[in-house]
Amino acid sequence: QVQLVESGGGLVQAGGSLRLSCAASGSIFSINAMGWYRQVPGKQRELVATITSTGRTNYADSVKDRFTISRANAKNTVYLQMNSLKPEDTAVYYCNADVITTTMFAYGYWGQGTQVTVSS
């Protein structure tokens, strides 16, 4: 079994910053891409940012130049630094990891989600 545990969400005023963390644990052999997605009620979950095991990043246009994704491979942890937050960034943020388990099973795991609320 593999678990992803997110932390760092909360309430912040527009223009403020938050840093999300997501730690993967369990029967992990290796992790390929890791990423952050977000979802608001009534809408589909959308990509925010991804990062490969070699550090290549990809961002949604709406967060480019404001958000930075990074990872600590030795800790199986991914981070999302969010600056210049806007009310439209309000959502539940989910962590995702493409894991190869110790039994050589490949699967995409999700965290439980963390709420980010940006007030105007």
C-alpha atoms as a PDB file:
ATOM      1  CA  GLN A   1       0.000   0.000   0.000  1.00  0.00           C
ATOM      2  CA  VAL A   2       1.025   3.568  -0.718  1.00  0.00           C
ATOM      3  CA  GLN A   3      -0.230   6.666   1.083  1.00  0.00           C
ATOM      4  CA  LEU A   4       0.045  10.314   0.084  1.00  0.00           C
ATOM      5  CA  VAL A   5      -0.426  12.828   2.866  1.00  0.00           C
ATOM      6  CA  GLU A   6      -0.860  16.509   2.046  1.00  0.00           C
ATOM      7  CA  SER A   7      -0.400  19.469   4.351  1.00  0.00           C
ATOM      8  CA  GLY A   8      -0.154  23.240   4.207  1.00  0.00           C
ATOM      9  CA  GLY A   9      -3.578  24.336   3.039  1.00  0.00           C
ATOM     10  CA  GLY A  10      -5.546  27.069   4.744  1.00  0.00           C
ATOM     11  CA  LEU A  11      -7.074  30.514   4.485  1.00  0.00           C
ATOM     12  CA  VAL A  12      -5.053  33.402   3.090  1.00  0.00           C
ATOM     13  CA  GLN A  13      -5.793  36.874   1.777  1.00  0.00           C
ATOM     14  CA  ALA A  14      -5.405  37.715  -1.895  1.00  0.00           C
ATOM     15  CA  GLY A  15      -1.773  38.439  -2.697  1.00  0.00           C
ATOM     16  CA  GLY A  16      -0.553  36.123   0.025  1.00  0.00           C
ATOM     17  CA  SER A  17       1.405  32.879  -0.128  1.00  0.00           C
ATOM     18  CA  LEU A  18       1.015  29.264   0.933  1.00  0.00           C
ATOM     19  CA  ARG A  19       3.253  26.224   0.631  1.00  0.00           C
ATOM     20  CA  LEU A  20       1.733  22.781   0.155  1.00  0.00           C
ATOM     21  CA  SER A  21       3.586  19.569   0.909  1.00  0.00           C
ATOM     22  CA  CYS A  22       2.798  15.981  -0.021  1.00  0.00           C
ATOM     23  CA  ALA A  23       4.723  13.031   1.371  1.00  0.00           C
ATOM     24  CA  ALA A  24       4.420   9.554  -0.110  1.00  0.00           C
ATOM     25  CA  SER A  25       5.050   6.499   2.028  1.00  0.00           C
ATOM     26  CA  GLY A  26       4.550   2.757   1.971  1.00  0.00           C
ATOM     27  CA  SER A  27       5.635   0.072  -0.474  1.00  0.00           C
ATOM     28  CA  ILE A  28       7.461   2.377  -2.862  1.00  0.00           C
ATOM     29  CA  PHE A  29      10.171   1.202  -5.243  1.00  0.00           C
ATOM     30  CA  SER A  30      10.332   4.457  -7.177  1.00  0.00           C
ATOM     31  CA  ILE A  31       8.219   7.453  -8.135  1.00  0.00           C
ATOM     32  CA  ASN A  32       8.057   8.884 -11.625  1.00  0.00           C
ATOM     33  CA  ALA A  33       6.031  12.060 -12.054  1.00  0.00           C
ATOM     34  CA  MET A  34       4.427  13.862  -9.121  1.00  0.00           C
ATOM     35  CA  GLY A  35       1.946  16.648  -9.385  1.00  0.00           C
ATOM     36  CA  TRP A  36      -0.716  18.894  -7.976  1.00  0.00           C
ATOM     37  CA  TYR A  37      -4.291  19.160  -9.195  1.00  0.00           C
ATOM     38  CA  ARG A  38      -7.221  21.200  -7.913  1.00  0.00           C
ATOM     39  CA  GLN A  39     -10.966  20.967  -7.954  1.00  0.00           C
ATOM     40  CA  VAL A  40     -13.859  23.277  -7.132  1.00  0.00           C
ATOM     41  CA  PRO A  41     -17.413  22.048  -6.600  1.00  0.00           C
ATOM     42  CA  GLY A  42     -19.208  21.355  -9.840  1.00  0.00           C
ATOM     43  CA  LYS A  43     -16.064  21.396 -11.952  1.00  0.00           C
ATOM     44  CA  GLN A  44     -13.622  18.778 -13.142  1.00  0.00           C
ATOM     45  CA  ARG A  45     -10.306  18.306 -11.420  1.00  0.00           C
ATOM     46  CA  GLU A  46      -7.650  20.305 -13.257  1.00  0.00           C
ATOM     47  CA  LEU A  47      -3.890  20.118 -13.502  1.00  0.00           C
ATOM     48  CA  VAL A  48      -1.929  22.747 -11.610  1.00  0.00           C
ATOM     49  CA  ALA A  49       1.664  21.566 -12.004  1.00  0.00           C
ATOM     50  CA  THR A  50       3.708  18.413 -12.490  1.00  0.00           C
ATOM     51  CA  ILE A  51       7.347  17.483 -12.035  1.00  0.00           C
ATOM     52  CA  THR A  52       9.251  14.463 -13.311  1.00  0.00           C
ATOM     53  CA  SER A  53      11.833  12.501 -11.368  1.00  0.00           C
ATOM     54  CA  THR A  54      14.530  14.456 -13.199  1.00  0.00           C
ATOM     55  CA  GLY A  55      12.997  17.820 -12.355  1.00  0.00           C
ATOM     56  CA  ARG A  56      11.213  18.733 -15.563  1.00  0.00           C
ATOM     57  CA  THR A  57       8.183  20.869 -14.709  1.00  0.00           C
ATOM     58  CA  ASN A  58       4.892  21.725 -16.361  1.00  0.00           C
ATOM     59  CA  TYR A  59       2.384  24.359 -15.250  1.00  0.00           C
ATOM     60  CA  ALA A  60      -1.141  25.379 -16.061  1.00  0.00           C
ATOM     61  CA  ASP A  61      -1.168  28.763 -17.771  1.00  0.00           C
ATOM     62  CA  SER A  62      -3.260  30.206 -14.946  1.00  0.00           C
ATOM     63  CA  VAL A  63      -0.501  29.623 -12.366  1.00  0.00           C
ATOM     64  CA  LYS A  64       2.676  30.205 -14.372  1.00  0.00           C
ATOM     65  CA  ASP A  65       5.013  32.753 -12.783  1.00  0.00           C
ATOM     66  CA  ARG A  66       3.084  32.525  -9.473  1.00  0.00           C
ATOM     67  CA  PHE A  67       3.404  28.861  -8.420  1.00  0.00           C
ATOM     68  CA  THR A  68       6.557  26.740  -8.184  1.00  0.00           C
ATOM     69  CA  ILE A  69       6.593  22.962  -7.927  1.00  0.00           C
ATOM     70  CA  SER A  70       9.596  21.128  -6.492  1.00  0.00           C
ATOM     71  CA  ARG A  71      10.392  17.741  -5.031  1.00  0.00           C
ATOM     72  CA  ALA A  72      12.766  16.012  -2.662  1.00  0.00           C
ATOM     73  CA  ASN A  73      13.301  12.575  -4.159  1.00  0.00           C
ATOM     74  CA  ALA A  74      15.041  11.193  -1.084  1.00  0.00           C
ATOM     75  CA  LYS A  75      11.957  12.080   0.967  1.00  0.00           C
ATOM     76  CA  ASN A  76       9.373  11.065  -1.672  1.00  0.00           C
ATOM     77  CA  THR A  77       7.914  14.533  -1.170  1.00  0.00           C
ATOM     78  CA  VAL A  78       6.562  17.145  -3.554  1.00  0.00           C
ATOM     79  CA  TYR A  79       5.956  20.799  -2.750  1.00  0.00           C
ATOM     80  CA  LEU A  80       3.909  23.590  -4.260  1.00  0.00           C
ATOM     81  CA  GLN A  81       4.910  27.142  -3.411  1.00  0.00           C
ATOM     82  CA  MET A  82       1.975  29.416  -4.215  1.00  0.00           C
ATOM     83  CA  ASN A  83       2.591  33.159  -4.372  1.00  0.00           C
ATOM     84  CA  SER A  84       0.402  36.098  -5.383  1.00  0.00           C
ATOM     85  CA  LEU A  85      -2.677  34.044  -4.641  1.00  0.00           C
ATOM     86  CA  LYS A  86      -5.992  35.064  -6.166  1.00  0.00           C
ATOM     87  CA  PRO A  87      -9.564  34.266  -5.078  1.00  0.00           C
ATOM     88  CA  GLU A  88      -9.894  32.085  -8.181  1.00  0.00           C
ATOM     89  CA  ASP A  89      -7.160  29.829  -6.782  1.00  0.00           C
ATOM     90  CA  THR A  90      -9.621  28.713  -4.108  1.00  0.00           C
ATOM     91  CA  ALA A  91     -10.062  24.945  -4.430  1.00  0.00           C
ATOM     92  CA  VAL A  92      -9.258  21.596  -2.905  1.00  0.00           C
ATOM     93  CA  TYR A  93      -5.716  20.739  -3.935  1.00  0.00           C
ATOM     94  CA  TYR A  94      -4.810  17.102  -4.536  1.00  0.00           C
ATOM     95  CA  CYS A  95      -1.393  15.506  -4.767  1.00  0.00           C
ATOM     96  CA  ASN A  96      -0.747  12.775  -7.334  1.00  0.00           C
ATOM     97  CA  ALA A  97       2.186  10.388  -7.714  1.00  0.00           C
ATOM     98  CA  ASP A  98       2.996   7.811 -10.388  1.00  0.00           C
ATOM     99  CA  VAL A  99       4.415   5.068  -8.200  1.00  0.00           C
ATOM    100  CA  ILE A 100       6.219   1.825  -8.956  1.00  0.00           C
ATOM    101  CA  THR A 101       5.587  -0.364  -5.912  1.00  0.00           C
ATOM    102  CA  THR A 102       7.976  -2.874  -4.425  1.00  0.00           C
ATOM    103  CA  THR A 103       5.977  -5.573  -6.239  1.00  0.00           C
ATOM    104  CA  MET A 104       6.625  -3.765  -9.537  1.00  0.00           C
ATOM    105  CA  PHE A 105       3.048  -2.561  -9.865  1.00  0.00           C
ATOM    106  CA  ALA A 106       2.585   0.829 -11.503  1.00  0.00           C
ATOM    107  CA  TYR A 107      -0.283   2.974 -10.324  1.00  0.00           C
ATOM    108  CA  GLY A 108      -1.237   6.607  -9.907  1.00  0.00           C
ATOM    109  CA  TYR A 109      -2.040   7.428  -6.292  1.00  0.00           C
ATOM    110  CA  TRP A 110      -3.954  10.419  -4.948  1.00  0.00           C
ATOM    111  CA  GLY A 111      -3.833  12.228  -1.653  1.00  0.00           C
ATOM    112  CA  GLN A 112      -6.910  13.085   0.355  1.00  0.00           C
ATOM    113  CA  GLY A 113      -6.887  16.742  -0.646  1.00  0.00           C
ATOM    114  CA  THR A 114      -6.226  19.968   1.235  1.00  0.00           C
ATOM    115  CA  GLN A 115      -8.438  23.058   1.121  1.00  0.00           C
ATOM    116  CA  VAL A 116      -6.976  26.357  -0.050  1.00  0.00           C
ATOM    117  CA  THR A 117      -9.180  29.406   0.385  1.00  0.00           C
ATOM    118  CA  VAL A 118      -8.150  32.848  -0.847  1.00  0.00           C
ATOM    119  CA  SER A 119     -10.225  35.760   0.392  1.00  0.00           C
ATOM    120  CA  SER A 120     -10.579  38.996  -1.558  1.00  0.00           C
END
